PDB file of N, CA and C in Angstrom:
ATOM      1  N   UNK A   1      28.680  13.577  15.658  1.00  0.00           N
ATOM      2  CA  UNK A   1      29.343  12.977  16.473  1.00  0.00           C
ATOM      3  C   UNK A   1      30.837  13.761  16.727  1.00  0.00           C
ATOM      4  N   UNK A   2      30.979  14.272  17.865  1.00  0.00           N
ATOM      5  CA  UNK A   2      32.000  15.043  17.750  1.00  0.00           C
ATOM      6  C   UNK A   2      33.551  13.916  17.926  1.00  0.00           C
ATOM      7  N   UNK A   3      34.670  14.604  17.638  1.00  0.00           N
ATOM      8  CA  UNK A   3      35.800  13.693  17.410  1.00  0.00           C
ATOM      9  C   UNK A   3      36.420  13.662  18.765  1.00  0.00           C
ATOM     10  N   UNK A   4      36.754  12.363  19.145  1.00  0.00           N
ATOM     11  CA  UNK A   4      38.250  12.462  20.263  1.00  0.00           C
ATOM     12  C   UNK A   4      37.149  12.448  21.564  1.00  0.00           C
ATOM     13  N   UNK A   5      36.030  12.320  21.586  1.00  0.00           N
ATOM     14  CA  UNK A   5      35.313  11.818  22.969  1.00  0.00           C
ATOM     15  C   UNK A   5      34.804  10.930  23.383  1.00  0.00           C
ATOM     16  N   UNK A   6      34.550   9.981  22.121  1.00  0.00           N
ATOM     17  CA  UNK A   6      34.172   8.511  22.769  1.00  0.00           C
ATOM     18  C   UNK A   6      35.573   7.747  23.138  1.00  0.00           C
ATOM     19  N   UNK A   7      35.127   6.537  23.709  1.00  0.00           N
ATOM     20  CA  UNK A   7      36.112   5.629  23.840  1.00  0.00           C
ATOM     21  C   UNK A   7      36.658   4.942  22.431  1.00  0.00           C
ATOM     22  N   UNK A   8      37.783   4.505  22.473  1.00  0.00           N
ATOM     23  CA  UNK A   8      38.311   3.345  21.351  1.00  0.00           C
ATOM     24  C   UNK A   8      37.265   2.381  20.843  1.00  0.00           C
ATOM     25  N   UNK A   9      36.669   1.891  21.528  1.00  0.00           N
ATOM     26  CA  UNK A   9      35.878   0.518  21.585  1.00  0.00           C
ATOM     27  C   UNK A   9      34.201   0.815  21.224  1.00  0.00           C
ATOM     28  N   UNK A  10      34.117   2.463  21.161  1.00  0.00           N
ATOM     29  CA  UNK A  10      32.686   2.632  20.653  1.00  0.00           C
ATOM     30  C   UNK A  10      32.240   2.224  19.663  1.00  0.00           C
ATOM     31  N   UNK A  11      31.090   1.635  19.440  1.00  0.00           N
ATOM     32  CA  UNK A  11      30.708   1.068  17.996  1.00  0.00           C
ATOM     33  C   UNK A  11      29.349   0.630  18.139  1.00  0.00           C
ATOM     34  N   UNK A  12      28.525   0.474  17.226  1.00  0.00           N
ATOM     35  CA  UNK A  12      27.093  -0.400  17.126  1.00  0.00           C
ATOM     36  C   UNK A  12      27.063  -1.820  17.489  1.00  0.00           C
ATOM     37  N   UNK A  13      26.057  -1.819  18.598  1.00  0.00           N
ATOM     38  CA  UNK A  13      25.896  -3.267  19.224  1.00  0.00           C
ATOM     39  C   UNK A  13      24.714  -3.500  19.000  1.00  0.00           C
ATOM     40  N   UNK A  14      24.084  -4.989  18.530  1.00  0.00           N
ATOM     41  CA  UNK A  14      22.908  -5.171  18.808  1.00  0.00           C
ATOM     42  C   UNK A  14      22.308  -5.593  20.136  1.00  0.00           C
ATOM     43  N   UNK A  15      21.378  -5.019  20.551  1.00  0.00           N
ATOM     44  CA  UNK A  15      21.003  -5.569  21.776  1.00  0.00           C
ATOM     45  C   UNK A  15      19.752  -6.071  22.050  1.00  0.00           C
ATOM     46  N   UNK A  16      19.545  -7.603  22.255  1.00  0.00           N
ATOM     47  CA  UNK A  16      18.586  -8.521  22.087  1.00  0.00           C
ATOM     48  C   UNK A  16      17.611  -8.695  23.304  1.00  0.00           C
ATOM     49  N   UNK A  17      16.131  -8.390  23.440  1.00  0.00           N
ATOM     50  CA  UNK A  17      15.733  -8.571  24.555  1.00  0.00           C
ATOM     51  C   UNK A  17      15.166 -10.223  24.207  1.00  0.00           C
ATOM     52  N   UNK A  18      15.433 -10.979  25.254  1.00  0.00           N
ATOM     53  CA  UNK A  18      15.555 -12.283  25.019  1.00  0.00           C
ATOM     54  C   UNK A  18      14.044 -12.697  25.752  1.00  0.00           C
ATOM     55  N   UNK A  19      13.262 -11.981  26.564  1.00  0.00           N
ATOM     56  CA  UNK A  19      11.606 -11.492  26.819  1.00  0.00           C
ATOM     57  C   UNK A  19      10.982 -11.358  25.818  1.00  0.00           C
ATOM     58  N   UNK A  20      11.170 -10.304  25.110  1.00  0.00           N
ATOM     59  CA  UNK A  20      10.247  -9.921  24.090  1.00  0.00           C
ATOM     60  C   UNK A  20      10.909 -10.551  22.580  1.00  0.00           C
ATOM     61  N   UNK A  21      11.919 -10.486  22.459  1.00  0.00           N
ATOM     62  CA  UNK A  21      12.429 -11.162  21.008  1.00  0.00           C
ATOM     63  C   UNK A  21      12.474  -9.987  20.336  1.00  0.00           C
ATOM     64  N   UNK A  22      12.472  -8.882  20.652  1.00  0.00           N
ATOM     65  CA  UNK A  22      12.858  -7.618  19.779  1.00  0.00           C
ATOM     66  C   UNK A  22      14.744  -7.500  20.084  1.00  0.00           C
ATOM     67  N   UNK A  23      14.904  -6.645  18.850  1.00  0.00           N
ATOM     68  CA  UNK A  23      16.383  -6.171  18.798  1.00  0.00           C
ATOM     69  C   UNK A  23      16.553  -5.046  18.449  1.00  0.00           C
ATOM     70  N   UNK A  24      17.790  -4.286  19.135  1.00  0.00           N
ATOM     71  CA  UNK A  24      17.883  -2.758  18.650  1.00  0.00           C
ATOM     72  C   UNK A  24      19.163  -2.761  18.264  1.00  0.00           C
ATOM     73  N   UNK A  25      19.429  -1.861  17.284  1.00  0.00           N
ATOM     74  CA  UNK A  25      20.971  -1.571  17.350  1.00  0.00           C
ATOM     75  C   UNK A  25      21.518  -0.321  17.657  1.00  0.00           C
ATOM     76  N   UNK A  26      22.355  -0.106  18.843  1.00  0.00           N
ATOM     77  CA  UNK A  26      22.562   1.100  19.750  1.00  0.00           C
ATOM     78  C   UNK A  26      24.316   1.078  19.517  1.00  0.00           C
ATOM     79  N   UNK A  27      24.595   2.093  19.860  1.00  0.00           N
ATOM     80  CA  UNK A  27      26.177   2.524  19.695  1.00  0.00           C
ATOM     81  C   UNK A  27      26.310   2.457  21.249  1.00  0.00           C
ATOM     82  N   UNK A  28      27.748   1.652  21.552  1.00  0.00           N
ATOM     83  CA  UNK A  28      27.992   1.074  23.026  1.00  0.00           C
ATOM     84  C   UNK A  28      29.138   0.824  22.749  1.00  0.00           C
ATOM     85  N   UNK A  29      29.894   0.646  24.328  1.00  0.00           N
ATOM     86  CA  UNK A  29      30.937   0.066  24.643  1.00  0.00           C
ATOM     87  C   UNK A  29      30.914  -1.022  25.145  1.00  0.00           C
ATOM     88  N   UNK A  30      30.013  -1.613  25.742  1.00  0.00           N
ATOM     89  CA  UNK A  30      30.015  -2.798  25.975  1.00  0.00           C
ATOM     90  C   UNK A  30      30.690  -4.240  25.610  1.00  0.00           C
ATOM     91  N   UNK A  31      31.457  -4.800  26.364  1.00  0.00           N
ATOM     92  CA  UNK A  31      32.311  -5.750  25.809  1.00  0.00           C
ATOM     93  C   UNK A  31      31.117  -7.118  25.490  1.00  0.00           C
ATOM     94  N   UNK A  32      31.303  -7.816  24.325  1.00  0.00           N
ATOM     95  CA  UNK A  32      30.634  -8.783  24.150  1.00  0.00           C
ATOM     96  C   UNK A  32      31.312  -9.890  23.248  1.00  0.00           C
ATOM     97  N   UNK A  33      31.017 -11.291  23.643  1.00  0.00           N
ATOM     98  CA  UNK A  33      31.688 -12.232  22.854  1.00  0.00           C
ATOM     99  C   UNK A  33      30.944 -12.610  21.547  1.00  0.00           C
ATOM    100  N   UNK A  34      29.624 -12.413  21.573  1.00  0.00           N
ATOM    101  CA  UNK A  34      28.860 -13.215  20.328  1.00  0.00           C
ATOM    102  C   UNK A  34      28.829 -11.841  19.302  1.00  0.00           C
ATOM    103  N   UNK A  35      28.117 -12.756  18.225  1.00  0.00           N
ATOM    104  CA  UNK A  35      28.192 -11.580  16.961  1.00  0.00           C
ATOM    105  C   UNK A  35      26.951 -11.948  16.328  1.00  0.00           C
ATOM    106  N   UNK A  36      26.393 -11.122  15.304  1.00  0.00           N
ATOM    107  CA  UNK A  36      25.052 -11.646  14.700  1.00  0.00           C
ATOM    108  C   UNK A  36      24.951 -10.588  13.605  1.00  0.00           C
ATOM    109  N   UNK A  37      24.132 -10.837  12.754  1.00  0.00           N
ATOM    110  CA  UNK A  37      23.725 -10.399  11.552  1.00  0.00           C
ATOM    111  C   UNK A  37      22.481  -9.240  11.579  1.00  0.00           C
ATOM    112  N   UNK A  38      22.554  -7.913  11.367  1.00  0.00           N
ATOM    113  CA  UNK A  38      21.571  -7.258  11.721  1.00  0.00           C
ATOM    114  C   UNK A  38      20.333  -7.053   9.785  1.00  0.00           C
ATOM    115  N   UNK A  39      19.480  -6.359  10.184  1.00  0.00           N
ATOM    116  CA  UNK A  39      18.743  -6.493   9.072  1.00  0.00           C
ATOM    117  C   UNK A  39      19.392  -5.752   7.737  1.00  0.00           C
ATOM    118  N   UNK A  40      20.553  -5.164   7.894  1.00  0.00           N
ATOM    119  CA  UNK A  40      21.463  -4.504   6.916  1.00  0.00           C
ATOM    120  C   UNK A  40      22.470  -5.914   6.252  1.00  0.00           C
ATOM    121  N   UNK A  41      22.141  -6.463   6.804  1.00  0.00           N
ATOM    122  CA  UNK A  41      23.474  -7.686   6.243  1.00  0.00           C
ATOM    123  C   UNK A  41      24.551  -7.593   6.971  1.00  0.00           C
ATOM    124  N   UNK A  42      25.110  -6.991   7.740  1.00  0.00           N
ATOM    125  CA  UNK A  42      26.074  -6.448   8.304  1.00  0.00           C
ATOM    126  C   UNK A  42      26.444  -7.318   9.773  1.00  0.00           C
ATOM    127  N   UNK A  43      27.403  -7.897  10.026  1.00  0.00           N
ATOM    128  CA  UNK A  43      27.196  -8.599  11.452  1.00  0.00           C
ATOM    129  C   UNK A  43      28.184  -7.627  12.378  1.00  0.00           C
ATOM    130  N   UNK A  44      27.293  -7.890  13.926  1.00  0.00           N
ATOM    131  CA  UNK A  44      27.855  -6.694  14.884  1.00  0.00           C
ATOM    132  C   UNK A  44      27.671  -7.621  16.159  1.00  0.00           C
ATOM    133  N   UNK A  45      28.710  -6.858  17.273  1.00  0.00           N
ATOM    134  CA  UNK A  45      28.727  -7.362  18.323  1.00  0.00           C
ATOM    135  C   UNK A  45      26.789  -7.804  18.822  1.00  0.00           C
ATOM    136  N   UNK A  46      26.580  -8.430  19.816  1.00  0.00           N
ATOM    137  CA  UNK A  46      25.099  -9.128  20.424  1.00  0.00           C
ATOM    138  C   UNK A  46      25.611  -9.397  21.705  1.00  0.00           C
ATOM    139  N   UNK A  47      24.795  -8.298  22.323  1.00  0.00           N
ATOM    140  CA  UNK A  47      24.571  -8.783  23.877  1.00  0.00           C
ATOM    141  C   UNK A  47      22.819  -8.773  24.395  1.00  0.00           C
ATOM    142  N   UNK A  48      22.632  -9.948  25.148  1.00  0.00           N
ATOM    143  CA  UNK A  48      21.202 -10.415  25.251  1.00  0.00           C
ATOM    144  C   UNK A  48      21.025  -9.735  26.510  1.00  0.00           C
ATOM    145  N   UNK A  49      19.797  -8.774  26.319  1.00  0.00           N
ATOM    146  CA  UNK A  49      19.289  -8.475  27.859  1.00  0.00           C
ATOM    147  C   UNK A  49      17.991  -8.974  28.359  1.00  0.00           C
ATOM    148  N   UNK A  50      17.778  -9.254  29.762  1.00  0.00           N
ATOM    149  CA  UNK A  50      16.312 -10.060  29.799  1.00  0.00           C
ATOM    150  C   UNK A  50      15.094  -8.755  30.121  1.00  0.00           C
ATOM    151  N   UNK A  51      15.331  -7.482  30.143  1.00  0.00           N
ATOM    152  CA  UNK A  51      14.077  -6.620  30.234  1.00  0.00           C
ATOM    153  C   UNK A  51      14.639  -5.158  29.394  1.00  0.00           C
ATOM    154  N   UNK A  52      13.748  -4.995  28.445  1.00  0.00           N
ATOM    155  CA  UNK A  52      14.092  -3.724  27.870  1.00  0.00           C
ATOM    156  C   UNK A  52      12.849  -3.142  27.577  1.00  0.00           C
ATOM    157  N   UNK A  53      12.594  -1.791  27.296  1.00  0.00           N
ATOM    158  CA  UNK A  53      11.094  -1.187  26.516  1.00  0.00           C
ATOM    159  C   UNK A  53      10.291  -1.841  26.054  1.00  0.00           C
ATOM    160  N   UNK A  54      10.929  -2.877  25.322  1.00  0.00           N
ATOM    161  CA  UNK A  54      10.003  -3.695  24.709  1.00  0.00           C
ATOM    162  C   UNK A  54       9.342  -4.749  25.881  1.00  0.00           C
ATOM    163  N   UNK A  55       9.893  -5.342  26.732  1.00  0.00           N
ATOM    164  CA  UNK A  55       9.009  -6.046  27.450  1.00  0.00           C
ATOM    165  C   UNK A  55       8.616  -5.524  29.129  1.00  0.00           C
ATOM    166  N   UNK A  56       9.562  -3.893  29.563  1.00  0.00           N
ATOM    167  CA  UNK A  56       9.084  -3.403  30.822  1.00  0.00           C
ATOM    168  C   UNK A  56       7.611  -3.039  30.939  1.00  0.00           C
ATOM    169  N   UNK A  57       6.987  -3.610  32.062  1.00  0.00           N
ATOM    170  CA  UNK A  57       5.779  -3.145  32.236  1.00  0.00           C
ATOM    171  C   UNK A  57       5.254  -1.746  31.891  1.00  0.00           C
ATOM    172  N   UNK A  58       6.162  -1.186  32.429  1.00  0.00           N
ATOM    173  CA  UNK A  58       6.329   0.762  32.478  1.00  0.00           C
ATOM    174  C   UNK A  58       5.645   0.950  30.906  1.00  0.00           C
ATOM    175  N   UNK A  59       6.272   0.395  30.014  1.00  0.00           N
ATOM    176  CA  UNK A  59       6.670   1.019  28.485  1.00  0.00           C
ATOM    177  C   UNK A  59       5.300   0.097  27.840  1.00  0.00           C
ATOM    178  N   UNK A  60       5.037  -1.116  27.998  1.00  0.00           N
ATOM    179  CA  UNK A  60       4.071  -2.083  27.718  1.00  0.00           C
ATOM    180  C   UNK A  60       2.806  -1.956  27.975  1.00  0.00           C
ATOM    181  N   UNK A  61       2.383  -1.685  29.327  1.00  0.00           N
ATOM    182  CA  UNK A  61       1.479  -1.230  29.978  1.00  0.00           C
ATOM    183  C   UNK A  61       0.786  -2.699  30.522  1.00  0.00           C
ATOM    184  N   UNK A  62       1.609  -3.893  30.224  1.00  0.00           N
ATOM    185  CA  UNK A  62       1.081  -5.359  31.114  1.00  0.00           C
ATOM    186  C   UNK A  62       1.842  -5.760  31.890  1.00  0.00           C
ATOM    187  N   UNK A  63       1.588  -6.658  32.869  1.00  0.00           N
ATOM    188  CA  UNK A  63       2.658  -6.793  34.018  1.00  0.00           C
ATOM    189  C   UNK A  63       2.980  -8.811  33.453  1.00  0.00           C
ATOM    190  N   UNK A  64       3.926  -9.072  33.518  1.00  0.00           N
ATOM    191  CA  UNK A  64       4.620 -10.222  33.415  1.00  0.00           C
ATOM    192  C   UNK A  64       5.415 -10.663  34.499  1.00  0.00           C
ATOM    193  N   UNK A  65       5.801 -11.848  35.001  1.00  0.00           N
ATOM    194  CA  UNK A  65       6.634 -12.414  35.674  1.00  0.00           C
ATOM    195  C   UNK A  65       7.600 -12.918  35.099  1.00  0.00           C
ATOM    196  N   UNK A  66       8.581 -12.515  35.095  1.00  0.00           N
ATOM    197  CA  UNK A  66       9.909 -12.825  34.549  1.00  0.00           C
ATOM    198  C   UNK A  66      10.695 -13.309  35.557  1.00  0.00           C
ATOM    199  N   UNK A  67      10.992 -14.485  35.298  1.00  0.00           N
ATOM    200  CA  UNK A  67      12.180 -15.091  36.911  1.00  0.00           C
ATOM    201  C   UNK A  67      13.282 -16.323  35.729  1.00  0.00           C
ATOM    202  N   UNK A  68      14.184 -15.713  35.850  1.00  0.00           N
ATOM    203  CA  UNK A  68      15.334 -16.651  35.187  1.00  0.00           C
ATOM    204  C   UNK A  68      16.031 -17.142  36.366  1.00  0.00           C
ATOM    205  N   UNK A  69      15.872 -16.752  37.358  1.00  0.00           N
ATOM    206  CA  UNK A  69      16.774 -17.239  38.431  1.00  0.00           C
ATOM    207  C   UNK A  69      16.400 -18.276  39.406  1.00  0.00           C
ATOM    208  N   UNK A  70      14.880 -18.179  39.279  1.00  0.00           N
ATOM    209  CA  UNK A  70      14.098 -19.325  40.157  1.00  0.00           C
ATOM    210  C   UNK A  70      13.569 -18.360  41.348  1.00  0.00           C
ATOM    211  N   UNK A  71      13.865 -16.805  41.057  1.00  0.00           N
ATOM    212  CA  UNK A  71      13.457 -16.192  42.451  1.00  0.00           C
ATOM    213  C   UNK A  71      12.119 -16.204  42.834  1.00  0.00           C
ATOM    214  N   UNK A  72      10.916 -16.481  42.189  1.00  0.00           N
ATOM    215  CA  UNK A  72       9.724 -16.248  42.290  1.00  0.00           C
ATOM    216  C   UNK A  72       9.412 -17.929  43.289  1.00  0.00           C
ATOM    217  N   UNK A  73       9.888 -18.915  42.525  1.00  0.00           N
ATOM    218  CA  UNK A  73       9.648 -20.365  42.953  1.00  0.00           C
ATOM    219  C   UNK A  73      10.267 -20.021  44.667  1.00  0.00           C
ATOM    220  N   UNK A  74      11.398 -19.400  45.106  1.00  0.00           N
ATOM    221  CA  UNK A  74      12.270 -19.325  46.319  1.00  0.00           C
ATOM    222  C   UNK A  74      11.374 -18.621  47.385  1.00  0.00           C
ATOM    223  N   UNK A  75      10.951 -17.318  46.980  1.00  0.00           N
ATOM    224  CA  UNK A  75      10.036 -16.748  47.582  1.00  0.00           C
ATOM    225  C   UNK A  75       8.410 -17.360  47.780  1.00  0.00           C
ATOM    226  N   UNK A  76       8.044 -17.901  47.094  1.00  0.00           N
ATOM    227  CA  UNK A  76       6.520 -18.748  47.267  1.00  0.00           C
ATOM    228  C   UNK A  76       6.829 -19.895  48.132  1.00  0.00           C
ATOM    229  N   UNK A  77       8.027 -20.772  47.990  1.00  0.00           N
ATOM    230  CA  UNK A  77       8.725 -21.691  48.946  1.00  0.00           C
ATOM    231  C   UNK A  77       8.749 -20.978  50.569  1.00  0.00           C
ATOM    232  N   UNK A  78       9.479 -19.716  50.373  1.00  0.00           N
ATOM    233  CA  UNK A  78       9.393 -19.377  51.801  1.00  0.00           C
ATOM    234  C   UNK A  78       8.267 -18.975  52.420  1.00  0.00           C
ATOM    235  N   UNK A  79       7.426 -18.640  51.405  1.00  0.00           N
ATOM    236  CA  UNK A  79       6.011 -18.081  52.055  1.00  0.00           C
ATOM    237  C   UNK A  79       4.829 -19.015  52.731  1.00  0.00           C
ATOM    238  N   UNK A  80       5.000 -20.346  51.678  1.00  0.00           N
ATOM    239  CA  UNK A  80       4.270 -21.215  52.096  1.00  0.00           C
ATOM    240  C   UNK A  80       5.085 -22.202  53.536  1.00  0.00           C
ATOM    241  N   UNK A  81       6.408 -22.023  53.748  1.00  0.00           N
ATOM    242  CA  UNK A  81       6.642 -22.439  55.166  1.00  0.00           C
ATOM    243  C   UNK A  81       6.046 -21.390  56.290  1.00  0.00           C
ATOM    244  N   UNK A  82       6.034 -20.438  56.122  1.00  0.00           N
ATOM    245  CA  UNK A  82       5.667 -19.143  57.035  1.00  0.00           C
ATOM    246  C   UNK A  82       4.319 -19.706  57.067  1.00  0.00           C
ATOM    247  N   UNK A  83       3.188 -19.906  56.201  1.00  0.00           N
ATOM    248  CA  UNK A  83       1.973 -19.757  56.516  1.00  0.00           C
ATOM    249  C   UNK A  83       1.616 -21.381  57.278  1.00  0.00           C
ATOM    250  N   UNK A  84       2.643 -22.584  56.979  1.00  0.00           N
ATOM    251  CA  UNK A  84       2.161 -23.766  57.587  1.00  0.00           C
ATOM    252  C   UNK A  84       2.738 -23.772  58.705  1.00  0.00           C
ATOM    253  N   UNK A  85       3.815 -22.663  59.441  1.00  0.00           N
ATOM    254  CA  UNK A  85       4.190 -23.009  61.081  1.00  0.00           C
ATOM    255  C   UNK A  85       3.132 -22.060  61.969  1.00  0.00           C
ATOM    256  N   UNK A  86       2.171 -21.370  61.098  1.00  0.00           N
ATOM    257  CA  UNK A  86       0.974 -20.437  61.989  1.00  0.00           C
ATOM    258  C   UNK A  86       0.128 -21.500  62.176  1.00  0.00           C
TER     259      UNK A  86
END
């Protein structure tokens, strides 16, 4: 890695895919509040993501409905209202 080109807070961070349960150790400048231990026994900052290459349909070849904010239910409710009006 070249010297003096990365920000001061560039460090290894654990990215955890909460959908697939997979974890990746990557270099990042992302701000985190949590920490966790990695396989090497050291503690690193932890950042949780909803979708990564471990759970995205493009990479896995399977389709899943991931709904953490209730968007699917809201859409179904709107669609149901529209069909009952006709």
